[in-house]
Amino acid sequence: MRTTLEIPDSLMRDIRVRAALGDRTLTQQITNLLRAGLNVTTETATEDSGHVQLPLVRTSRNATTNELSPQRVAEILAQSDVSDLAG
């Protein structure tokens, strides 16, 4: 199917370079990019928008709620800042 698209010049240059480096035609490259974009999962799209899902770290023991409270994190960061200034 043929269609007409308006693509910014700088983006078109990048697509042409990728096509040339991959020894593909412009049509093949644009098709690959569109397919890759359509295959992006909702989770990946969320990450791209600035929302990041932090990984769950499993350990051999259960952490208590007091181990890493927001206040404790602030203390650790403050100590780190002082160490950086002193070192």
PDB file of N, CA and C in Angstrom:
ATOM      1  N   MET A   1       0.843  -1.179   0.000  1.00  0.00           N
ATOM      2  CA  MET A   1       0.000   0.000   0.000  1.00  0.00           C
ATOM      3  C   MET A   1       0.888   1.243   0.000  1.00  0.00           C
ATOM      4  N   ARG A   2       0.547   2.186  -0.794  1.00  0.00           N
ATOM      5  CA  ARG A   2       1.299   3.432  -0.841  1.00  0.00           C
ATOM      6  C   ARG A   2       0.578   4.475   0.000  1.00  0.00           C
ATOM      7  N   THR A   3       1.385   5.318   0.658  1.00  0.00           N
ATOM      8  CA  THR A   3       0.820   6.413   1.431  1.00  0.00           C
ATOM      9  C   THR A   3       1.829   7.556   1.446  1.00  0.00           C
ATOM     10  N   THR A   4       1.372   8.725   1.829  1.00  0.00           N
ATOM     11  CA  THR A   4       2.247   9.887   1.920  1.00  0.00           C
ATOM     12  C   THR A   4       2.324  10.320   3.372  1.00  0.00           C
ATOM     13  N   LEU A   5       3.548  10.518   3.842  1.00  0.00           N
ATOM     14  CA  LEU A   5       3.773  10.956   5.222  1.00  0.00           C
ATOM     15  C   LEU A   5       4.653  12.188   5.228  1.00  0.00           C
ATOM     16  N   GLU A   6       4.447  13.042   6.206  1.00  0.00           N
ATOM     17  CA  GLU A   6       5.362  14.162   6.418  1.00  0.00           C
ATOM     18  C   GLU A   6       6.275  13.779   7.564  1.00  0.00           C
ATOM     19  N   ILE A   7       7.561  13.624   7.263  1.00  0.00           N
ATOM     20  CA  ILE A   7       8.544  13.232   8.262  1.00  0.00           C
ATOM     21  C   ILE A   7       9.573  14.352   8.339  1.00  0.00           C
ATOM     22  N   PRO A   8       9.884  14.828   9.541  1.00  0.00           N
ATOM     23  CA  PRO A   8      10.879  15.894   9.667  1.00  0.00           C
ATOM     24  C   PRO A   8      12.204  15.499   9.004  1.00  0.00           C
ATOM     25  N   ASP A   9      12.872  16.490   8.412  1.00  0.00           N
ATOM     26  CA  ASP A   9      14.116  16.237   7.678  1.00  0.00           C
ATOM     27  C   ASP A   9      15.167  15.516   8.525  1.00  0.00           C
ATOM     28  N   SER A  10      15.341  15.954   9.765  1.00  0.00           N
ATOM     29  CA  SER A  10      16.374  15.346  10.613  1.00  0.00           C
ATOM     30  C   SER A  10      16.059  13.876  10.899  1.00  0.00           C
ATOM     31  N   LEU A  11      14.790  13.569  11.098  1.00  0.00           N
ATOM     32  CA  LEU A  11      14.397  12.180  11.333  1.00  0.00           C
ATOM     33  C   LEU A  11      14.592  11.345  10.078  1.00  0.00           C
ATOM     34  N   MET A  12      14.267  11.912   8.950  1.00  0.00           N
ATOM     35  CA  MET A  12      14.434  11.194   7.683  1.00  0.00           C
ATOM     36  C   MET A  12      15.902  10.892   7.422  1.00  0.00           C
ATOM     37  N   ARG A  13      16.779  11.845   7.758  1.00  0.00           N
ATOM     38  CA  ARG A  13      18.220  11.597   7.609  1.00  0.00           C
ATOM     39  C   ARG A  13      18.654  10.418   8.474  1.00  0.00           C
ATOM     40  N   ASP A  14      18.175  10.393   9.726  1.00  0.00           N
ATOM     41  CA  ASP A  14      18.522   9.287  10.631  1.00  0.00           C
ATOM     42  C   ASP A  14      18.029   7.947  10.088  1.00  0.00           C
ATOM     43  N   ILE A  15      16.833   7.935   9.523  1.00  0.00           N
ATOM     44  CA  ILE A  15      16.278   6.693   8.962  1.00  0.00           C
ATOM     45  C   ILE A  15      17.100   6.252   7.757  1.00  0.00           C
ATOM     46  N   ARG A  16      17.474   7.199   6.912  1.00  0.00           N
ATOM     47  CA  ARG A  16      18.294   6.852   5.737  1.00  0.00           C
ATOM     48  C   ARG A  16      19.652   6.288   6.149  1.00  0.00           C
ATOM     49  N   VAL A  17      20.257   6.880   7.179  1.00  0.00           N
ATOM     50  CA  VAL A  17      21.552   6.393   7.664  1.00  0.00           C
ATOM     51  C   VAL A  17      21.408   4.967   8.192  1.00  0.00           C
ATOM     52  N   ARG A  18      20.371   4.712   8.998  1.00  0.00           N
ATOM     53  CA  ARG A  18      20.154   3.359   9.518  1.00  0.00           C
ATOM     54  C   ARG A  18      19.932   2.362   8.389  1.00  0.00           C
ATOM     55  N   ALA A  19      19.178   2.773   7.406  1.00  0.00           N
ATOM     56  CA  ALA A  19      18.920   1.883   6.270  1.00  0.00           C
ATOM     57  C   ALA A  19      20.227   1.549   5.560  1.00  0.00           C
ATOM     58  N   ALA A  20      21.041   2.553   5.331  1.00  0.00           N
ATOM     59  CA  ALA A  20      22.310   2.334   4.622  1.00  0.00           C
ATOM     60  C   ALA A  20      23.242   1.451   5.451  1.00  0.00           C
ATOM     61  N   LEU A  21      23.324   1.709   6.748  1.00  0.00           N
ATOM     62  CA  LEU A  21      24.206   0.908   7.607  1.00  0.00           C
ATOM     63  C   LEU A  21      23.742  -0.543   7.696  1.00  0.00           C
ATOM     64  N   GLY A  22      22.427  -0.741   7.613  1.00  0.00           N
ATOM     65  CA  GLY A  22      21.889  -2.092   7.688  1.00  0.00           C
ATOM     66  C   GLY A  22      21.714  -2.756   6.343  1.00  0.00           C
ATOM     67  N   ASP A  23      22.194  -2.077   5.298  1.00  0.00           N
ATOM     68  CA  ASP A  23      22.078  -2.594   3.930  1.00  0.00           C
ATOM     69  C   ASP A  23      20.619  -2.942   3.590  1.00  0.00           C
ATOM     70  N   ARG A  24      19.715  -2.019   3.961  1.00  0.00           N
ATOM     71  CA  ARG A  24      18.287  -2.189   3.691  1.00  0.00           C
ATOM     72  C   ARG A  24      17.791  -1.021   2.846  1.00  0.00           C
ATOM     73  N   THR A  25      16.683  -1.240   2.179  1.00  0.00           N
ATOM     74  CA  THR A  25      16.067  -0.136   1.442  1.00  0.00           C
ATOM     75  C   THR A  25      15.356   0.764   2.453  1.00  0.00           C
ATOM     76  N   LEU A  26      15.047   1.957   2.007  1.00  0.00           N
ATOM     77  CA  LEU A  26      14.323   2.893   2.867  1.00  0.00           C
ATOM     78  C   LEU A  26      12.971   2.303   3.271  1.00  0.00           C
ATOM     79  N   THR A  27      12.290   1.667   2.327  1.00  0.00           N
ATOM     80  CA  THR A  27      10.997   1.041   2.627  1.00  0.00           C
ATOM     81  C   THR A  27      11.152  -0.045   3.687  1.00  0.00           C
ATOM     82  N   GLN A  28      12.177  -0.880   3.547  1.00  0.00           N
ATOM     83  CA  GLN A  28      12.406  -1.937   4.536  1.00  0.00           C
ATOM     84  C   GLN A  28      12.687  -1.347   5.917  1.00  0.00           C
ATOM     85  N   GLN A  29      13.507  -0.306   5.951  1.00  0.00           N
ATOM     86  CA  GLN A  29      13.866   0.298   7.227  1.00  0.00           C
ATOM     87  C   GLN A  29      12.650   0.914   7.908  1.00  0.00           C
ATOM     88  N   ILE A  30      11.848   1.652   7.169  1.00  0.00           N
ATOM     89  CA  ILE A  30      10.663   2.277   7.756  1.00  0.00           C
ATOM     90  C   ILE A  30       9.679   1.208   8.213  1.00  0.00           C
ATOM     91  N   THR A  31       9.512   0.143   7.435  1.00  0.00           N
ATOM     92  CA  THR A  31       8.630  -0.958   7.837  1.00  0.00           C
ATOM     93  C   THR A  31       9.117  -1.587   9.131  1.00  0.00           C
ATOM     94  N   ASN A  32      10.436  -1.833   9.240  1.00  0.00           N
ATOM     95  CA  ASN A  32      10.992  -2.413  10.468  1.00  0.00           C
ATOM     96  C   ASN A  32      10.772  -1.501  11.670  1.00  0.00           C
ATOM     97  N   LEU A  33      10.987  -0.207  11.478  1.00  0.00           N
ATOM     98  CA  LEU A  33      10.793   0.733  12.576  1.00  0.00           C
ATOM     99  C   LEU A  33       9.333   0.806  13.018  1.00  0.00           C
ATOM    100  N   LEU A  34       8.422   0.806  12.055  1.00  0.00           N
ATOM    101  CA  LEU A  34       7.000   0.829  12.401  1.00  0.00           C
ATOM    102  C   LEU A  34       6.590  -0.442  13.139  1.00  0.00           C
ATOM    103  N   ARG A  35       7.064  -1.598  12.666  1.00  0.00           N
ATOM    104  CA  ARG A  35       6.747  -2.858  13.354  1.00  0.00           C
ATOM    105  C   ARG A  35       7.296  -2.877  14.766  1.00  0.00           C
ATOM    106  N   ALA A  36       8.529  -2.415  14.918  1.00  0.00           N
ATOM    107  CA  ALA A  36       9.129  -2.370  16.255  1.00  0.00           C
ATOM    108  C   ALA A  36       8.324  -1.450  17.167  1.00  0.00           C
ATOM    109  N   GLY A  37       7.877  -0.320  16.638  1.00  0.00           N
ATOM    110  CA  GLY A  37       7.069   0.603  17.433  1.00  0.00           C
ATOM    111  C   GLY A  37       5.733   0.013  17.826  1.00  0.00           C
ATOM    112  N   LEU A  38       5.125  -0.748  16.940  1.00  0.00           N
ATOM    113  CA  LEU A  38       3.842  -1.373  17.248  1.00  0.00           C
ATOM    114  C   LEU A  38       3.977  -2.508  18.251  1.00  0.00           C
ATOM    115  N   ASN A  39       5.173  -3.091  18.340  1.00  0.00           N
ATOM    116  CA  ASN A  39       5.401  -4.194  19.265  1.00  0.00           C
ATOM    117  C   ASN A  39       5.821  -3.744  20.651  1.00  0.00           C
ATOM    118  N   VAL A  40       5.931  -2.448  20.870  1.00  0.00           N
ATOM    119  CA  VAL A  40       6.326  -1.940  22.182  1.00  0.00           C
ATOM    120  C   VAL A  40       5.219  -2.266  23.173  1.00  0.00           C
ATOM    121  N   THR A  41       5.614  -2.850  24.292  1.00  0.00           N
ATOM    122  CA  THR A  41       4.626  -3.198  25.313  1.00  0.00           C
ATOM    123  C   THR A  41       4.197  -1.959  26.081  1.00  0.00           C
ATOM    124  N   THR A  42       3.102  -2.067  26.767  1.00  0.00           N
ATOM    125  CA  THR A  42       2.613  -0.959  27.584  1.00  0.00           C
ATOM    126  C   THR A  42       3.632  -0.592  28.639  1.00  0.00           C
ATOM    127  N   GLU A  43       4.310  -1.589  29.201  1.00  0.00           N
ATOM    128  CA  GLU A  43       5.320  -1.337  30.238  1.00  0.00           C
ATOM    129  C   GLU A  43       6.464  -0.504  29.681  1.00  0.00           C
ATOM    130  N   THR A  44       6.931  -0.843  28.494  1.00  0.00           N
ATOM    131  CA  THR A  44       8.021  -0.093  27.882  1.00  0.00           C
ATOM    132  C   THR A  44       7.572   1.321  27.566  1.00  0.00           C
ATOM    133  N   ALA A  45       6.372   1.470  27.082  1.00  0.00           N
ATOM    134  CA  ALA A  45       5.853   2.797  26.769  1.00  0.00           C
ATOM    135  C   ALA A  45       5.778   3.639  28.034  1.00  0.00           C
ATOM    136  N   THR A  46       5.416   3.023  29.150  1.00  0.00           N
ATOM    137  CA  THR A  46       5.354   3.736  30.422  1.00  0.00           C
ATOM    138  C   THR A  46       6.737   4.197  30.827  1.00  0.00           C
ATOM    139  N   GLU A  47       7.754   3.350  30.637  1.00  0.00           N
ATOM    140  CA  GLU A  47       9.123   3.730  30.973  1.00  0.00           C
ATOM    141  C   GLU A  47       9.567   4.910  30.129  1.00  0.00           C
ATOM    142  N   ASP A  48       9.193   4.915  28.862  1.00  0.00           N
ATOM    143  CA  ASP A  48       9.593   5.998  27.977  1.00  0.00           C
ATOM    144  C   ASP A  48       8.957   7.318  28.377  1.00  0.00           C
ATOM    145  N   SER A  49       7.812   7.257  29.053  1.00  0.00           N
ATOM    146  CA  SER A  49       7.137   8.485  29.429  1.00  0.00           C
ATOM    147  C   SER A  49       7.656   9.040  30.750  1.00  0.00           C
ATOM    148  N   GLY A  50       8.698   8.442  31.307  1.00  0.00           N
ATOM    149  CA  GLY A  50       9.264   8.954  32.541  1.00  0.00           C
ATOM    150  C   GLY A  50       8.872   8.169  33.774  1.00  0.00           C
ATOM    151  N   HIS A  51       7.944   7.257  33.656  1.00  0.00           N
ATOM    152  CA  HIS A  51       7.538   6.421  34.773  1.00  0.00           C
ATOM    153  C   HIS A  51       8.306   5.116  34.692  1.00  0.00           C
ATOM    154  N   VAL A  52       9.064   4.840  35.728  1.00  0.00           N
ATOM    155  CA  VAL A  52       9.908   3.657  35.711  1.00  0.00           C
ATOM    156  C   VAL A  52       9.435   2.675  36.765  1.00  0.00           C
ATOM    157  N   GLN A  53       9.330   1.426  36.377  1.00  0.00           N
ATOM    158  CA  GLN A  53       8.992   0.368  37.318  1.00  0.00           C
ATOM    159  C   GLN A  53      10.295  -0.142  37.913  1.00  0.00           C
ATOM    160  N   LEU A  54      10.462   0.028  39.223  1.00  0.00           N
ATOM    161  CA  LEU A  54      11.682  -0.441  39.863  1.00  0.00           C
ATOM    162  C   LEU A  54      11.656  -1.952  40.006  1.00  0.00           C
ATOM    163  N   PRO A  55      12.806  -2.590  39.920  1.00  0.00           N
ATOM    164  CA  PRO A  55      12.835  -4.046  40.032  1.00  0.00           C
ATOM    165  C   PRO A  55      12.590  -4.491  41.471  1.00  0.00           C
ATOM    166  N   LEU A  56      12.008  -5.643  41.617  1.00  0.00           N
ATOM    167  CA  LEU A  56      11.797  -6.233  42.927  1.00  0.00           C
ATOM    168  C   LEU A  56      13.026  -7.061  43.246  1.00  0.00           C
ATOM    169  N   VAL A  57      13.650  -6.764  44.378  1.00  0.00           N
ATOM    170  CA  VAL A  57      14.859  -7.481  44.785  1.00  0.00           C
ATOM    171  C   VAL A  57      14.475  -8.465  45.877  1.00  0.00           C
ATOM    172  N   ARG A  58      14.699  -9.737  45.613  1.00  0.00           N
ATOM    173  CA  ARG A  58      14.388 -10.766  46.602  1.00  0.00           C
ATOM    174  C   ARG A  58      15.645 -11.105  47.389  1.00  0.00           C
ATOM    175  N   THR A  59      15.480 -11.267  48.704  1.00  0.00           N
ATOM    176  CA  THR A  59      16.606 -11.618  49.565  1.00  0.00           C
ATOM    177  C   THR A  59      16.252 -12.856  50.374  1.00  0.00           C
ATOM    178  N   SER A  60      17.252 -13.366  51.096  1.00  0.00           N
ATOM    179  CA  SER A  60      17.024 -14.577  51.887  1.00  0.00           C
ATOM    180  C   SER A  60      16.289 -14.287  53.185  1.00  0.00           C
ATOM    181  N   ARG A  61      16.187 -13.015  53.547  1.00  0.00           N
ATOM    182  CA  ARG A  61      15.451 -12.672  54.773  1.00  0.00           C
ATOM    183  C   ARG A  61      14.483 -11.534  54.484  1.00  0.00           C
ATOM    184  N   ASN A  62      13.518 -11.385  55.332  1.00  0.00           N
ATOM    185  CA  ASN A  62      12.541 -10.318  55.177  1.00  0.00           C
ATOM    186  C   ASN A  62      13.078  -9.022  55.772  1.00  0.00           C
ATOM    187  N   ALA A  63      12.881  -7.946  55.086  1.00  0.00           N
ATOM    188  CA  ALA A  63      13.295  -6.637  55.591  1.00  0.00           C
ATOM    189  C   ALA A  63      12.219  -6.090  56.511  1.00  0.00           C
ATOM    190  N   THR A  64      12.629  -5.336  57.500  1.00  0.00           N
ATOM    191  CA  THR A  64      11.648  -4.673  58.358  1.00  0.00           C
ATOM    192  C   THR A  64      11.317  -3.325  57.747  1.00  0.00           C
ATOM    193  N   THR A  65      10.202  -2.784  58.131  1.00  0.00           N
ATOM    194  CA  THR A  65       9.779  -1.513  57.552  1.00  0.00           C
ATOM    195  C   THR A  65      10.678  -0.368  57.985  1.00  0.00           C
ATOM    196  N   ASN A  66      11.440  -0.534  59.066  1.00  0.00           N
ATOM    197  CA  ASN A  66      12.305   0.549  59.556  1.00  0.00           C
ATOM    198  C   ASN A  66      13.676   0.548  58.896  1.00  0.00           C
ATOM    199  N   GLU A  67      14.011  -0.493  58.183  1.00  0.00           N
ATOM    200  CA  GLU A  67      15.351  -0.601  57.632  1.00  0.00           C
ATOM    201  C   GLU A  67      15.671   0.486  56.618  1.00  0.00           C
ATOM    202  N   LEU A  68      14.745   0.806  55.742  1.00  0.00           N
ATOM    203  CA  LEU A  68      15.034   1.779  54.691  1.00  0.00           C
ATOM    204  C   LEU A  68      13.843   2.721  54.509  1.00  0.00           C
ATOM    205  N   SER A  69      13.578   3.464  55.554  1.00  0.00           N
ATOM    206  CA  SER A  69      12.495   4.438  55.511  1.00  0.00           C
ATOM    207  C   SER A  69      12.970   5.664  54.731  1.00  0.00           C
ATOM    208  N   PRO A  70      12.058   6.526  54.326  1.00  0.00           N
ATOM    209  CA  PRO A  70      12.479   7.745  53.643  1.00  0.00           C
ATOM    210  C   PRO A  70      13.467   8.570  54.481  1.00  0.00           C
ATOM    211  N   GLN A  71      13.264   8.590  55.791  1.00  0.00           N
ATOM    212  CA  GLN A  71      14.176   9.326  56.668  1.00  0.00           C
ATOM    213  C   GLN A  71      15.564   8.686  56.648  1.00  0.00           C
ATOM    214  N   ARG A  72      15.626   7.354  56.672  1.00  0.00           N
ATOM    215  CA  ARG A  72      16.914   6.658  56.639  1.00  0.00           C
ATOM    216  C   ARG A  72      17.633   6.908  55.310  1.00  0.00           C
ATOM    217  N   VAL A  73      16.886   6.916  54.219  1.00  0.00           N
ATOM    218  CA  VAL A  73      17.482   7.204  52.911  1.00  0.00           C
ATOM    219  C   VAL A  73      18.062   8.617  52.910  1.00  0.00           C
ATOM    220  N   ALA A  74      17.345   9.575  53.476  1.00  0.00           N
ATOM    221  CA  ALA A  74      17.835  10.953  53.551  1.00  0.00           C
ATOM    222  C   ALA A  74      19.113  11.027  54.374  1.00  0.00           C
ATOM    223  N   GLU A  75      19.168  10.274  55.479  1.00  0.00           N
ATOM    224  CA  GLU A  75      20.372  10.247  56.310  1.00  0.00           C
ATOM    225  C   GLU A  75      21.565   9.678  55.527  1.00  0.00           C
ATOM    226  N   ILE A  76      21.328   8.587  54.813  1.00  0.00           N
ATOM    227  CA  ILE A  76      22.392   7.961  54.028  1.00  0.00           C
ATOM    228  C   ILE A  76      22.901   8.925  52.962  1.00  0.00           C
ATOM    229  N   LEU A  77      21.993   9.601  52.287  1.00  0.00           N
ATOM    230  CA  LEU A  77      22.395  10.558  51.255  1.00  0.00           C
ATOM    231  C   LEU A  77      23.161  11.735  51.852  1.00  0.00           C
ATOM    232  N   ALA A  78      22.733  12.204  53.021  1.00  0.00           N
ATOM    233  CA  ALA A  78      23.423  13.317  53.680  1.00  0.00           C
ATOM    234  C   ALA A  78      24.832  12.897  54.074  1.00  0.00           C
ATOM    235  N   GLN A  79      24.984  11.681  54.609  1.00  0.00           N
ATOM    236  CA  GLN A  79      26.307  11.179  54.981  1.00  0.00           C
ATOM    237  C   GLN A  79      27.197  11.050  53.748  1.00  0.00           C
ATOM    238  N   SER A  80      26.618  10.607  52.666  1.00  0.00           N
ATOM    239  CA  SER A  80      27.362  10.463  51.416  1.00  0.00           C
ATOM    240  C   SER A  80      27.831  11.820  50.913  1.00  0.00           C
ATOM    241  N   ASP A  81      26.955  12.827  51.003  1.00  0.00           N
ATOM    242  CA  ASP A  81      27.329  14.174  50.576  1.00  0.00           C
ATOM    243  C   ASP A  81      28.490  14.711  51.410  1.00  0.00           C
ATOM    244  N   VAL A  82      28.445  14.474  52.730  1.00  0.00           N
ATOM    245  CA  VAL A  82      29.504  14.936  53.621  1.00  0.00           C
ATOM    246  C   VAL A  82      30.802  14.217  53.277  1.00  0.00           C
ATOM    247  N   SER A  83      30.731  12.909  53.013  1.00  0.00           N
ATOM    248  CA  SER A  83      31.925  12.137  52.660  1.00  0.00           C
ATOM    249  C   SER A  83      32.515  12.632  51.344  1.00  0.00           C
ATOM    250  N   ASP A  84      31.660  12.966  50.390  1.00  0.00           N
ATOM    251  CA  ASP A  84      32.136  13.466  49.103  1.00  0.00           C
ATOM    252  C   ASP A  84      32.854  14.799  49.262  1.00  0.00           C
ATOM    253  N   LEU A  85      32.326  15.656  50.134  1.00  0.00           N
ATOM    254  CA  LEU A  85      32.937  16.958  50.357  1.00  0.00           C
ATOM    255  C   LEU A  85      34.269  16.836  51.090  1.00  0.00           C
ATOM    256  N   ALA A  86      34.339  15.897  52.029  1.00  0.00           N
ATOM    257  CA  ALA A  86      35.557  15.708  52.809  1.00  0.00           C
ATOM    258  C   ALA A  86      36.647  15.011  52.003  1.00  0.00           C
ATOM    259  N   GLY A  87      36.222  14.150  51.053  1.00  0.00           N
ATOM    260  CA  GLY A  87      37.206  13.337  50.317  1.00  0.00           C
ATOM    261  C   GLY A  87      37.697  14.025  49.139  1.00  0.00           C
TER     262      GLY A  87
END
